[in-house]
Amino acid sequence: MKVPKTEIGKVFNYIRNFKLSRYLLCFMHNGYLLEIGWFESFKRNECIDENGEPIPWAPYPYIDFLKDYLTKEMTVFEYGSGYSTLFLAKRTKKVYCVEHNTGWVDKLKLNEQEKITVITKSLDEEYENAINSIPEKPDVIIVDGRRRVNCLKTAVKKIKENGIIVLDDSDREKYNEGINFLKEEGFKLLNFRGITPLAFINRKTTVFYKTL
């Protein structure tokens, strides 16, 4: 009996995929994904590193940049809160964040952290203007929440001289207006691409700076 070519193709595909699956499983025991804690993050459905510590939901190369860049003397303002807020608080003097979802704040217990101040605002112009209520100019402003184009335009007026502004998911076309605005204001771009905790897709985060 002659086996149809379509069936032979299915067998070869199965063998090939089986080998690929075995190959990928090897990385659970060694290699880059294990070293950065990606498997543990995926398993626990949390943004954590290899030690179980919170990290931003952003490309790993950008996370490495922050680890080297941040200092205990810096103040950070964040549009949108999350595991990144806990990560930032561990490495800086003070973190302010604006958030519209109080349930999310309660889940992460952000209000219980001494170095974190959460500003709750509705999703209107008060959201992007929340930064104007803090007493100092931040060294770092991270835009990773809602109304991002408006937030970028407001951030320019508040950022400390030689500070940086960060836009997460900067590959989305709807943020081009804000990106072009920062360019016109004299900011240079430093792009970070790569996989993130919880996901295996290529994402982009951009750091805007005048001097580093």
N, C-alpha and C. Protein backbone atom coordinates (compact mmCIF):
# COMPACT_ATOMS: atom_id res chain seq x y z
N MET A 1 0.85 -1.21 0.00
CA MET A 1 0.00 0.00 0.00
C MET A 1 0.88 1.25 0.00
N LYS A 2 0.58 2.16 -0.89
CA LYS A 2 1.37 3.37 -0.99
C LYS A 2 0.81 4.45 -0.05
N VAL A 3 1.71 5.03 0.76
CA VAL A 3 1.29 6.07 1.69
C VAL A 3 1.21 7.40 0.96
N PRO A 4 0.09 8.12 1.06
CA PRO A 4 -0.05 9.42 0.39
C PRO A 4 1.03 10.40 0.83
N LYS A 5 1.48 11.22 -0.12
CA LYS A 5 2.53 12.19 0.19
C LYS A 5 2.11 13.16 1.30
N THR A 6 0.83 13.46 1.36
CA THR A 6 0.35 14.38 2.40
C THR A 6 0.57 13.79 3.79
N GLU A 7 0.39 12.48 3.91
CA GLU A 7 0.58 11.82 5.20
C GLU A 7 2.05 11.77 5.56
N ILE A 8 2.89 11.53 4.55
CA ILE A 8 4.34 11.53 4.80
C ILE A 8 4.77 12.91 5.29
N GLY A 9 4.21 13.95 4.67
CA GLY A 9 4.54 15.31 5.08
C GLY A 9 4.14 15.58 6.52
N LYS A 10 3.00 15.03 6.93
CA LYS A 10 2.55 15.22 8.31
C LYS A 10 3.52 14.57 9.29
N VAL A 11 4.01 13.38 8.91
CA VAL A 11 4.96 12.67 9.77
C VAL A 11 6.24 13.47 9.93
N PHE A 12 6.76 13.97 8.80
CA PHE A 12 8.00 14.76 8.86
C PHE A 12 7.81 16.04 9.67
N ASN A 13 6.65 16.67 9.53
CA ASN A 13 6.37 17.87 10.31
C ASN A 13 6.32 17.57 11.80
N TYR A 14 5.72 16.41 12.13
CA TYR A 14 5.64 16.01 13.54
C TYR A 14 7.04 15.80 14.10
N ILE A 15 7.89 15.08 13.34
CA ILE A 15 9.25 14.81 13.80
C ILE A 15 10.03 16.11 13.97
N ARG A 16 9.88 16.98 12.97
CA ARG A 16 10.60 18.25 13.02
C ARG A 16 10.14 19.09 14.21
N ASN A 17 8.84 19.18 14.43
CA ASN A 17 8.31 19.96 15.54
C ASN A 17 8.68 19.33 16.88
N PHE A 18 8.74 18.01 16.94
CA PHE A 18 9.12 17.32 18.17
C PHE A 18 10.56 17.66 18.53
N LYS A 19 11.43 17.64 17.51
CA LYS A 19 12.83 17.99 17.75
C LYS A 19 12.96 19.44 18.20
N LEU A 20 12.18 20.32 17.57
CA LEU A 20 12.21 21.73 17.94
C LEU A 20 11.73 21.92 19.38
N SER A 21 10.67 21.21 19.77
CA SER A 21 10.16 21.31 21.13
C SER A 21 11.20 20.85 22.15
N ARG A 22 11.86 19.73 21.84
CA ARG A 22 12.90 19.23 22.74
C ARG A 22 14.04 20.24 22.84
N TYR A 23 14.39 20.85 21.72
CA TYR A 23 15.46 21.84 21.71
C TYR A 23 15.11 23.04 22.58
N LEU A 24 13.86 23.53 22.44
CA LEU A 24 13.43 24.67 23.23
C LEU A 24 13.38 24.35 24.72
N LEU A 25 12.97 23.12 25.04
CA LEU A 25 12.89 22.72 26.44
C LEU A 25 14.26 22.72 27.10
N CYS A 26 15.31 22.53 26.30
CA CYS A 26 16.67 22.55 26.84
C CYS A 26 16.99 23.89 27.48
N PHE A 27 16.39 24.95 26.95
CA PHE A 27 16.69 26.29 27.47
C PHE A 27 16.10 26.51 28.86
N MET A 28 15.26 25.60 29.34
CA MET A 28 14.75 25.70 30.70
C MET A 28 15.83 25.34 31.71
N HIS A 29 16.91 24.73 31.24
CA HIS A 29 17.96 24.27 32.13
C HIS A 29 19.26 25.04 31.95
N ASN A 30 19.40 25.77 30.84
CA ASN A 30 20.57 26.61 30.64
C ASN A 30 20.28 27.63 29.54
N GLY A 31 21.12 28.66 29.47
CA GLY A 31 20.96 29.64 28.42
C GLY A 31 20.37 30.97 28.89
N TYR A 32 20.22 31.86 27.95
CA TYR A 32 19.81 33.24 28.23
C TYR A 32 18.44 33.35 28.89
N LEU A 33 17.45 32.62 28.38
CA LEU A 33 16.10 32.72 28.92
C LEU A 33 16.05 32.31 30.39
N LEU A 34 16.84 31.32 30.74
CA LEU A 34 16.92 30.89 32.14
C LEU A 34 17.61 31.96 32.98
N GLU A 35 18.69 32.50 32.47
CA GLU A 35 19.48 33.49 33.20
C GLU A 35 18.67 34.74 33.54
N ILE A 36 17.80 35.18 32.65
CA ILE A 36 17.04 36.41 32.89
C ILE A 36 15.73 36.15 33.63
N GLY A 37 15.43 34.88 33.89
CA GLY A 37 14.22 34.56 34.64
C GLY A 37 12.95 34.51 33.82
N TRP A 38 13.10 34.42 32.48
CA TRP A 38 11.91 34.45 31.62
C TRP A 38 10.97 33.29 31.90
N PHE A 39 11.51 32.08 32.10
CA PHE A 39 10.66 30.92 32.34
C PHE A 39 9.88 31.06 33.65
N GLU A 40 10.55 31.56 34.68
CA GLU A 40 9.87 31.74 35.97
C GLU A 40 8.79 32.81 35.86
N SER A 41 9.08 33.86 35.12
CA SER A 41 8.09 34.91 34.90
C SER A 41 6.86 34.36 34.18
N PHE A 42 7.10 33.58 33.14
CA PHE A 42 6.00 33.01 32.36
C PHE A 42 5.18 32.03 33.21
N LYS A 43 5.89 31.22 34.00
CA LYS A 43 5.21 30.21 34.82
C LYS A 43 4.33 30.87 35.89
N ARG A 44 4.83 31.92 36.51
CA ARG A 44 4.10 32.56 37.60
C ARG A 44 3.18 33.69 37.12
N ASN A 45 3.26 34.00 35.81
CA ASN A 45 2.44 35.07 35.24
C ASN A 45 2.67 36.39 35.97
N GLU A 46 3.95 36.68 36.22
CA GLU A 46 4.34 37.91 36.88
C GLU A 46 5.58 38.48 36.20
N CYS A 47 5.75 39.78 36.28
CA CYS A 47 6.96 40.41 35.75
C CYS A 47 8.05 40.36 36.81
N ILE A 48 8.84 39.31 36.78
CA ILE A 48 9.88 39.10 37.78
C ILE A 48 11.16 38.66 37.08
N ASP A 49 12.29 38.82 37.80
CA ASP A 49 13.57 38.40 37.24
C ASP A 49 13.95 37.02 37.76
N GLU A 50 15.20 36.64 37.56
CA GLU A 50 15.65 35.31 37.95
C GLU A 50 15.62 35.08 39.45
N ASN A 51 15.57 36.19 40.22
CA ASN A 51 15.52 36.09 41.69
C ASN A 51 14.12 36.30 42.25
N GLY A 52 13.14 36.42 41.37
CA GLY A 52 11.77 36.65 41.80
C GLY A 52 11.46 38.09 42.14
N GLU A 53 12.37 39.00 41.79
CA GLU A 53 12.17 40.43 42.07
C GLU A 53 11.40 41.08 40.93
N PRO A 54 10.56 42.08 41.23
CA PRO A 54 9.76 42.73 40.18
C PRO A 54 10.61 43.49 39.18
N ILE A 55 10.22 43.43 37.91
CA ILE A 55 10.87 44.16 36.83
C ILE A 55 9.80 44.74 35.91
N PRO A 56 10.14 45.73 35.09
CA PRO A 56 9.15 46.30 34.16
C PRO A 56 8.71 45.29 33.10
N TRP A 57 7.50 45.48 32.60
CA TRP A 57 7.02 44.68 31.47
C TRP A 57 7.49 45.39 30.20
N ALA A 58 8.74 45.19 29.88
CA ALA A 58 9.40 45.91 28.80
C ALA A 58 10.55 45.07 28.28
N PRO A 59 11.15 45.43 27.16
CA PRO A 59 12.25 44.63 26.62
C PRO A 59 13.40 44.48 27.62
N TYR A 60 13.96 43.30 27.68
CA TYR A 60 15.05 43.04 28.63
C TYR A 60 16.26 43.95 28.42
N PRO A 61 16.65 44.30 27.19
CA PRO A 61 17.77 45.23 27.03
C PRO A 61 17.51 46.59 27.70
N TYR A 62 16.26 47.06 27.66
CA TYR A 62 15.91 48.32 28.33
C TYR A 62 16.01 48.16 29.85
N ILE A 63 15.58 47.02 30.37
CA ILE A 63 15.68 46.77 31.81
C ILE A 63 17.14 46.81 32.24
N ASP A 64 18.02 46.21 31.45
CA ASP A 64 19.45 46.24 31.75
C ASP A 64 19.98 47.67 31.75
N PHE A 65 19.49 48.48 30.81
CA PHE A 65 19.88 49.89 30.76
C PHE A 65 19.50 50.60 32.06
N LEU A 66 18.27 50.39 32.52
CA LEU A 66 17.82 51.05 33.75
C LEU A 66 18.66 50.62 34.95
N LYS A 67 19.01 49.36 35.02
CA LYS A 67 19.83 48.87 36.14
C LYS A 67 21.15 49.63 36.24
N ASP A 68 21.72 49.97 35.09
CA ASP A 68 22.98 50.70 35.07
C ASP A 68 22.79 52.20 35.23
N TYR A 69 21.68 52.72 34.76
CA TYR A 69 21.47 54.18 34.70
C TYR A 69 20.95 54.76 36.02
N LEU A 70 20.03 54.07 36.67
CA LEU A 70 19.37 54.62 37.86
C LEU A 70 20.32 54.69 39.05
N THR A 71 20.10 55.74 39.88
CA THR A 71 20.89 55.88 41.11
C THR A 71 19.96 56.21 42.28
N LYS A 72 20.47 56.08 43.46
CA LYS A 72 19.68 56.33 44.67
C LYS A 72 19.37 57.80 44.88
N GLU A 73 19.95 58.68 44.08
CA GLU A 73 19.69 60.11 44.20
C GLU A 73 18.59 60.59 43.26
N MET A 74 18.10 59.70 42.41
CA MET A 74 17.14 60.11 41.38
C MET A 74 15.69 60.07 41.84
N THR A 75 14.90 60.95 41.23
CA THR A 75 13.44 60.96 41.39
C THR A 75 12.81 60.56 40.06
N VAL A 76 11.80 59.71 40.11
CA VAL A 76 11.14 59.21 38.91
C VAL A 76 9.66 59.53 38.96
N PHE A 77 9.11 59.92 37.80
CA PHE A 77 7.65 60.04 37.67
C PHE A 77 7.21 59.06 36.60
N GLU A 78 6.15 58.31 36.92
CA GLU A 78 5.68 57.26 36.02
C GLU A 78 4.22 57.47 35.68
N TYR A 79 3.92 57.52 34.38
CA TYR A 79 2.53 57.51 33.92
C TYR A 79 2.11 56.05 33.78
N GLY A 80 1.27 55.58 34.68
CA GLY A 80 0.92 54.17 34.74
C GLY A 80 1.79 53.48 35.76
N SER A 81 1.20 52.60 36.56
CA SER A 81 1.96 51.92 37.61
C SER A 81 2.00 50.42 37.34
N GLY A 82 2.84 49.72 38.07
CA GLY A 82 2.93 48.27 37.90
C GLY A 82 4.16 47.71 38.60
N TYR A 83 4.61 46.56 38.13
CA TYR A 83 5.82 45.96 38.69
C TYR A 83 7.01 46.89 38.49
N SER A 84 6.95 47.69 37.43
CA SER A 84 8.02 48.64 37.17
C SER A 84 8.15 49.64 38.32
N THR A 85 7.03 50.02 38.93
CA THR A 85 7.06 50.98 40.04
C THR A 85 7.86 50.42 41.21
N LEU A 86 7.65 49.14 41.51
CA LEU A 86 8.39 48.48 42.58
C LEU A 86 9.87 48.37 42.23
N PHE A 87 10.15 48.07 40.97
CA PHE A 87 11.52 47.99 40.47
C PHE A 87 12.23 49.33 40.63
N LEU A 88 11.56 50.41 40.25
CA LEU A 88 12.14 51.74 40.31
C LEU A 88 12.37 52.19 41.75
N ALA A 89 11.43 51.88 42.63
CA ALA A 89 11.54 52.31 44.02
C ALA A 89 12.75 51.69 44.71
N LYS A 90 13.10 50.50 44.30
CA LYS A 90 14.25 49.80 44.89
C LYS A 90 15.57 50.46 44.50
N ARG A 91 15.56 51.21 43.39
CA ARG A 91 16.82 51.73 42.84
C ARG A 91 16.94 53.24 42.85
N THR A 92 15.90 53.95 43.32
CA THR A 92 15.93 55.41 43.30
C THR A 92 15.51 55.99 44.64
N LYS A 93 15.56 57.31 44.74
CA LYS A 93 15.19 57.99 45.98
C LYS A 93 13.69 58.05 46.16
N LYS A 94 12.95 58.34 45.07
CA LYS A 94 11.51 58.56 45.16
C LYS A 94 10.85 58.26 43.83
N VAL A 95 9.66 57.64 43.89
CA VAL A 95 8.88 57.36 42.70
C VAL A 95 7.47 57.90 42.87
N TYR A 96 7.06 58.77 41.96
CA TYR A 96 5.68 59.22 41.88
C TYR A 96 5.04 58.52 40.67
N CYS A 97 3.79 58.13 40.81
CA CYS A 97 3.10 57.56 39.64
C CYS A 97 1.64 58.00 39.66
N VAL A 98 1.10 58.20 38.46
CA VAL A 98 -0.32 58.52 38.32
C VAL A 98 -1.02 57.27 37.81
N GLU A 99 -2.17 56.97 38.38
CA GLU A 99 -2.89 55.75 38.04
C GLU A 99 -4.39 55.99 38.12
N HIS A 100 -5.12 55.46 37.15
CA HIS A 100 -6.58 55.60 37.16
C HIS A 100 -7.26 54.37 37.75
N ASN A 101 -6.53 53.24 37.82
CA ASN A 101 -7.09 51.98 38.27
C ASN A 101 -6.68 51.71 39.72
N THR A 102 -7.54 52.08 40.67
CA THR A 102 -7.20 51.91 42.08
C THR A 102 -7.12 50.43 42.48
N GLY A 103 -7.86 49.58 41.79
CA GLY A 103 -7.80 48.15 42.09
C GLY A 103 -6.43 47.57 41.80
N TRP A 104 -5.80 48.05 40.74
CA TRP A 104 -4.45 47.60 40.38
C TRP A 104 -3.43 48.07 41.43
N VAL A 105 -3.62 49.29 41.92
CA VAL A 105 -2.74 49.83 42.96
C VAL A 105 -2.85 48.99 44.23
N ASP A 106 -4.08 48.64 44.59
CA ASP A 106 -4.30 47.83 45.78
C ASP A 106 -3.71 46.43 45.64
N LYS A 107 -3.83 45.86 44.46
CA LYS A 107 -3.31 44.51 44.23
C LYS A 107 -1.79 44.46 44.43
N LEU A 108 -1.10 45.47 43.94
CA LEU A 108 0.36 45.50 44.06
C LEU A 108 0.83 46.13 45.38
N LYS A 109 -0.14 46.64 46.16
CA LYS A 109 0.17 47.24 47.46
C LYS A 109 1.15 48.41 47.34
N LEU A 110 0.97 49.21 46.29
CA LEU A 110 1.90 50.30 46.04
C LEU A 110 1.83 51.37 47.13
N ASN A 111 0.65 51.61 47.67
CA ASN A 111 0.49 52.64 48.70
C ASN A 111 1.17 52.27 50.01
N GLU A 112 1.57 51.01 50.14
CA GLU A 112 2.23 50.56 51.36
C GLU A 112 3.75 50.75 51.28
N GLN A 113 4.23 51.18 50.12
CA GLN A 113 5.67 51.36 49.93
C GLN A 113 6.08 52.79 50.29
N GLU A 114 7.05 52.92 51.18
CA GLU A 114 7.43 54.23 51.70
C GLU A 114 7.93 55.19 50.62
N LYS A 115 8.63 54.69 49.62
CA LYS A 115 9.25 55.54 48.61
C LYS A 115 8.34 55.81 47.41
N ILE A 116 7.10 55.29 47.47
CA ILE A 116 6.18 55.44 46.34
C ILE A 116 5.00 56.32 46.74
N THR A 117 4.69 57.30 45.89
CA THR A 117 3.50 58.12 46.06
C THR A 117 2.61 57.92 44.83
N VAL A 118 1.40 57.43 45.06
CA VAL A 118 0.45 57.18 43.97
C VAL A 118 -0.53 58.34 43.89
N ILE A 119 -0.67 58.90 42.71
CA ILE A 119 -1.63 59.98 42.46
C ILE A 119 -2.76 59.40 41.61
N THR A 120 -3.96 59.40 42.14
CA THR A 120 -5.10 58.82 41.44
C THR A 120 -5.84 59.91 40.66
N LYS A 121 -5.97 59.68 39.35
CA LYS A 121 -6.65 60.66 38.49
C LYS A 121 -7.53 59.93 37.49
N SER A 122 -8.58 60.59 37.05
CA SER A 122 -9.43 60.05 35.99
C SER A 122 -8.74 60.25 34.65
N LEU A 123 -9.26 59.60 33.61
CA LEU A 123 -8.63 59.63 32.30
C LEU A 123 -9.09 60.84 31.49
N ASP A 124 -8.67 62.00 31.95
CA ASP A 124 -8.90 63.24 31.21
C ASP A 124 -7.64 64.07 31.33
N GLU A 125 -7.72 65.37 31.11
CA GLU A 125 -6.51 66.19 31.13
C GLU A 125 -5.82 66.20 32.49
N GLU A 126 -6.56 65.85 33.55
CA GLU A 126 -5.94 65.78 34.86
C GLU A 126 -4.89 64.68 34.93
N TYR A 127 -5.05 63.67 34.09
CA TYR A 127 -4.12 62.53 34.10
C TYR A 127 -2.71 62.99 33.71
N GLU A 128 -2.57 63.62 32.54
CA GLU A 128 -1.24 64.05 32.11
C GLU A 128 -0.70 65.20 32.94
N ASN A 129 -1.60 66.00 33.53
CA ASN A 129 -1.17 67.15 34.33
C ASN A 129 -0.85 66.78 35.78
N ALA A 130 -1.02 65.52 36.14
CA ALA A 130 -0.73 65.09 37.51
C ALA A 130 0.72 65.35 37.88
N ILE A 131 1.59 65.32 36.90
CA ILE A 131 3.01 65.54 37.15
C ILE A 131 3.29 66.93 37.69
N ASN A 132 2.41 67.86 37.40
CA ASN A 132 2.61 69.24 37.85
C ASN A 132 2.34 69.40 39.35
N SER A 133 1.78 68.37 39.98
CA SER A 133 1.47 68.46 41.41
C SER A 133 2.63 68.03 42.30
N ILE A 134 3.69 67.48 41.71
CA ILE A 134 4.81 67.03 42.54
C ILE A 134 5.77 68.19 42.75
N PRO A 135 6.50 68.20 43.87
CA PRO A 135 7.29 69.37 44.24
C PRO A 135 8.63 69.51 43.53
N GLU A 136 9.04 68.55 42.74
CA GLU A 136 10.37 68.60 42.13
C GLU A 136 10.31 68.18 40.67
N LYS A 137 11.40 68.45 39.95
CA LYS A 137 11.52 68.00 38.58
C LYS A 137 12.15 66.62 38.56
N PRO A 138 11.52 65.64 37.94
CA PRO A 138 12.06 64.28 37.94
C PRO A 138 13.30 64.16 37.06
N ASP A 139 14.16 63.21 37.44
CA ASP A 139 15.31 62.85 36.61
C ASP A 139 14.87 61.94 35.47
N VAL A 140 13.81 61.18 35.72
CA VAL A 140 13.30 60.23 34.74
C VAL A 140 11.78 60.33 34.71
N ILE A 141 11.21 60.43 33.51
CA ILE A 141 9.76 60.37 33.34
C ILE A 141 9.46 59.21 32.41
N ILE A 142 8.63 58.29 32.87
CA ILE A 142 8.29 57.09 32.10
C ILE A 142 6.83 57.15 31.68
N VAL A 143 6.60 57.07 30.39
CA VAL A 143 5.24 57.13 29.84
C VAL A 143 4.84 55.72 29.43
N ASP A 144 4.00 55.11 30.26
CA ASP A 144 3.61 53.71 30.03
C ASP A 144 2.17 53.48 30.49
N GLY A 145 1.36 54.53 30.37
CA GLY A 145 -0.03 54.41 30.78
C GLY A 145 -0.97 54.82 29.66
N ARG A 146 -1.95 55.63 29.98
CA ARG A 146 -2.91 56.10 29.00
C ARG A 146 -2.51 57.49 28.48
N ARG A 147 -3.21 57.97 27.45
CA ARG A 147 -3.05 59.32 26.92
C ARG A 147 -1.57 59.66 26.70
N ARG A 148 -0.87 58.76 26.04
CA ARG A 148 0.60 58.85 26.01
C ARG A 148 1.13 60.05 25.23
N VAL A 149 0.49 60.40 24.14
CA VAL A 149 0.96 61.56 23.38
C VAL A 149 0.85 62.82 24.24
N ASN A 150 -0.26 63.00 24.93
CA ASN A 150 -0.43 64.15 25.81
C ASN A 150 0.58 64.13 26.95
N CYS A 151 0.85 62.94 27.45
CA CYS A 151 1.82 62.80 28.55
C CYS A 151 3.22 63.19 28.11
N LEU A 152 3.60 62.80 26.89
CA LEU A 152 4.92 63.16 26.37
C LEU A 152 5.06 64.67 26.25
N LYS A 153 4.01 65.32 25.75
CA LYS A 153 4.06 66.77 25.58
C LYS A 153 4.13 67.49 26.92
N THR A 154 3.48 66.95 27.93
CA THR A 154 3.52 67.55 29.26
C THR A 154 4.86 67.28 29.94
N ALA A 155 5.42 66.11 29.69
CA ALA A 155 6.68 65.71 30.33
C ALA A 155 7.82 66.66 29.99
N VAL A 156 7.83 67.17 28.76
CA VAL A 156 8.90 68.06 28.31
C VAL A 156 9.02 69.29 29.20
N LYS A 157 7.90 69.76 29.72
CA LYS A 157 7.88 70.98 30.53
C LYS A 157 8.36 70.73 31.95
N LYS A 158 8.39 69.47 32.37
CA LYS A 158 8.67 69.16 33.76
C LYS A 158 10.01 68.44 33.98
N ILE A 159 10.54 67.80 32.95
CA ILE A 159 11.74 66.99 33.12
C ILE A 159 12.93 67.84 33.56
N LYS A 160 13.74 67.31 34.44
CA LYS A 160 14.94 68.00 34.89
C LYS A 160 15.92 68.14 33.72
N GLU A 161 16.72 69.17 33.75
CA GLU A 161 17.73 69.35 32.72
C GLU A 161 18.63 68.11 32.66
N ASN A 162 18.83 67.61 31.47
CA ASN A 162 19.62 66.39 31.23
C ASN A 162 18.94 65.13 31.75
N GLY A 163 17.65 65.22 32.06
CA GLY A 163 16.90 64.02 32.42
C GLY A 163 16.47 63.24 31.19
N ILE A 164 15.85 62.11 31.39
CA ILE A 164 15.39 61.29 30.27
C ILE A 164 13.88 61.06 30.34
N ILE A 165 13.29 60.93 29.16
CA ILE A 165 11.88 60.58 29.03
C ILE A 165 11.80 59.24 28.32
N VAL A 166 10.99 58.35 28.83
CA VAL A 166 10.88 56.99 28.28
C VAL A 166 9.47 56.76 27.75
N LEU A 167 9.39 56.20 26.56
CA LEU A 167 8.10 55.80 25.98
C LEU A 167 8.11 54.30 25.73
N ASP A 168 7.21 53.59 26.38
CA ASP A 168 7.10 52.16 26.15
C ASP A 168 6.18 51.91 24.95
N ASP A 169 6.37 50.77 24.29
CA ASP A 169 5.60 50.42 23.08
C ASP A 169 5.73 51.51 22.02
N SER A 170 6.93 52.02 21.86
CA SER A 170 7.15 53.15 20.95
C SER A 170 7.06 52.78 19.48
N ASP A 171 6.88 51.49 19.18
CA ASP A 171 6.71 51.08 17.79
C ASP A 171 5.27 51.23 17.32
N ARG A 172 4.35 51.65 18.18
CA ARG A 172 2.96 51.84 17.78
C ARG A 172 2.80 53.18 17.05
N GLU A 173 2.19 53.12 15.89
CA GLU A 173 2.08 54.31 15.04
C GLU A 173 1.32 55.45 15.72
N LYS A 174 0.38 55.11 16.58
CA LYS A 174 -0.44 56.16 17.20
C LYS A 174 0.37 57.07 18.12
N TYR A 175 1.62 56.68 18.44
CA TYR A 175 2.46 57.53 19.29
C TYR A 175 3.43 58.38 18.48
N ASN A 176 3.36 58.30 17.16
CA ASN A 176 4.31 59.04 16.32
C ASN A 176 4.24 60.55 16.53
N GLU A 177 3.04 61.05 16.80
CA GLU A 177 2.89 62.49 17.04
C GLU A 177 3.74 62.92 18.23
N GLY A 178 3.68 62.14 19.30
CA GLY A 178 4.47 62.46 20.49
C GLY A 178 5.96 62.31 20.26
N ILE A 179 6.34 61.28 19.52
CA ILE A 179 7.76 61.05 19.21
C ILE A 179 8.32 62.19 18.39
N ASN A 180 7.57 62.62 17.37
CA ASN A 180 8.02 63.72 16.53
C ASN A 180 8.10 65.03 17.32
N PHE A 181 7.20 65.19 18.27
CA PHE A 181 7.22 66.39 19.12
C PHE A 181 8.52 66.45 19.92
N LEU A 182 8.92 65.33 20.50
CA LEU A 182 10.15 65.30 21.29
C LEU A 182 11.38 65.55 20.41
N LYS A 183 11.36 65.02 19.21
CA LYS A 183 12.46 65.27 18.28
C LYS A 183 12.59 66.76 17.99
N GLU A 184 11.45 67.42 17.77
CA GLU A 184 11.45 68.85 17.48
C GLU A 184 11.93 69.66 18.68
N GLU A 185 11.78 69.08 19.88
CA GLU A 185 12.24 69.74 21.09
C GLU A 185 13.73 69.49 21.35
N GLY A 186 14.38 68.78 20.44
CA GLY A 186 15.82 68.57 20.53
C GLY A 186 16.26 67.29 21.21
N PHE A 187 15.32 66.38 21.44
CA PHE A 187 15.68 65.12 22.08
C PHE A 187 16.22 64.12 21.06
N LYS A 188 17.20 63.35 21.48
CA LYS A 188 17.73 62.25 20.69
C LYS A 188 17.06 60.95 21.14
N LEU A 189 17.15 59.90 20.31
CA LEU A 189 16.46 58.65 20.57
C LEU A 189 17.45 57.52 20.82
N LEU A 190 17.14 56.71 21.81
CA LEU A 190 17.87 55.49 22.06
C LEU A 190 16.84 54.37 22.14
N ASN A 191 16.82 53.49 21.14
CA ASN A 191 15.80 52.45 21.04
C ASN A 191 16.28 51.13 21.62
N PHE A 192 15.37 50.45 22.32
CA PHE A 192 15.64 49.13 22.86
C PHE A 192 14.58 48.17 22.35
N ARG A 193 15.02 47.08 21.73
CA ARG A 193 14.11 46.06 21.22
C ARG A 193 14.43 44.71 21.85
N GLY A 194 13.39 43.89 21.98
CA GLY A 194 13.62 42.54 22.47
C GLY A 194 12.37 41.94 23.06
N ILE A 195 12.52 40.72 23.57
CA ILE A 195 11.40 40.07 24.23
C ILE A 195 11.21 40.66 25.62
N THR A 196 10.07 40.38 26.21
CA THR A 196 9.73 40.91 27.52
C THR A 196 9.35 39.78 28.47
N PRO A 197 9.27 40.07 29.77
CA PRO A 197 8.68 39.08 30.68
C PRO A 197 7.27 38.73 30.20
N LEU A 198 6.86 37.51 30.42
CA LEU A 198 5.50 37.02 30.14
C LEU A 198 5.21 36.76 28.67
N ALA A 199 6.04 37.27 27.77
CA ALA A 199 5.72 37.14 26.35
C ALA A 199 6.98 36.88 25.54
N PHE A 200 6.79 36.32 24.35
CA PHE A 200 7.92 36.01 23.47
C PHE A 200 7.73 36.73 22.15
N ILE A 201 7.43 38.03 22.26
CA ILE A 201 7.26 38.85 21.06
C ILE A 201 8.25 40.01 21.12
N ASN A 202 8.59 40.55 19.97
CA ASN A 202 9.56 41.64 19.88
C ASN A 202 8.86 42.96 20.15
N ARG A 203 9.29 43.67 21.20
CA ARG A 203 8.70 44.96 21.54
C ARG A 203 9.77 46.03 21.58
N LYS A 204 9.34 47.27 21.57
CA LYS A 204 10.28 48.40 21.50
C LYS A 204 9.97 49.44 22.57
N THR A 205 11.01 49.89 23.23
CA THR A 205 10.93 50.99 24.19
C THR A 205 11.98 52.02 23.80
N THR A 206 11.62 53.30 23.85
CA THR A 206 12.55 54.35 23.44
C THR A 206 12.86 55.29 24.60
N VAL A 207 14.15 55.58 24.76
CA VAL A 207 14.62 56.57 25.73
C VAL A 207 14.96 57.85 24.97
N PHE A 208 14.37 58.96 25.38
CA PHE A 208 14.64 60.27 24.79
C PHE A 208 15.56 61.05 25.72
N TYR A 209 16.61 61.62 25.16
CA TYR A 209 17.62 62.30 25.98
C TYR A 209 18.25 63.44 25.18
N LYS A 210 18.88 64.34 25.91
CA LYS A 210 19.69 65.38 25.26
C LYS A 210 21.17 65.12 25.52
N THR A 211 21.49 64.74 26.76
CA THR A 211 22.82 64.24 27.08
C THR A 211 22.67 63.09 28.07
N LEU A 212 23.52 62.10 27.93
CA LEU A 212 23.50 60.96 28.87
C LEU A 212 24.80 60.93 29.66
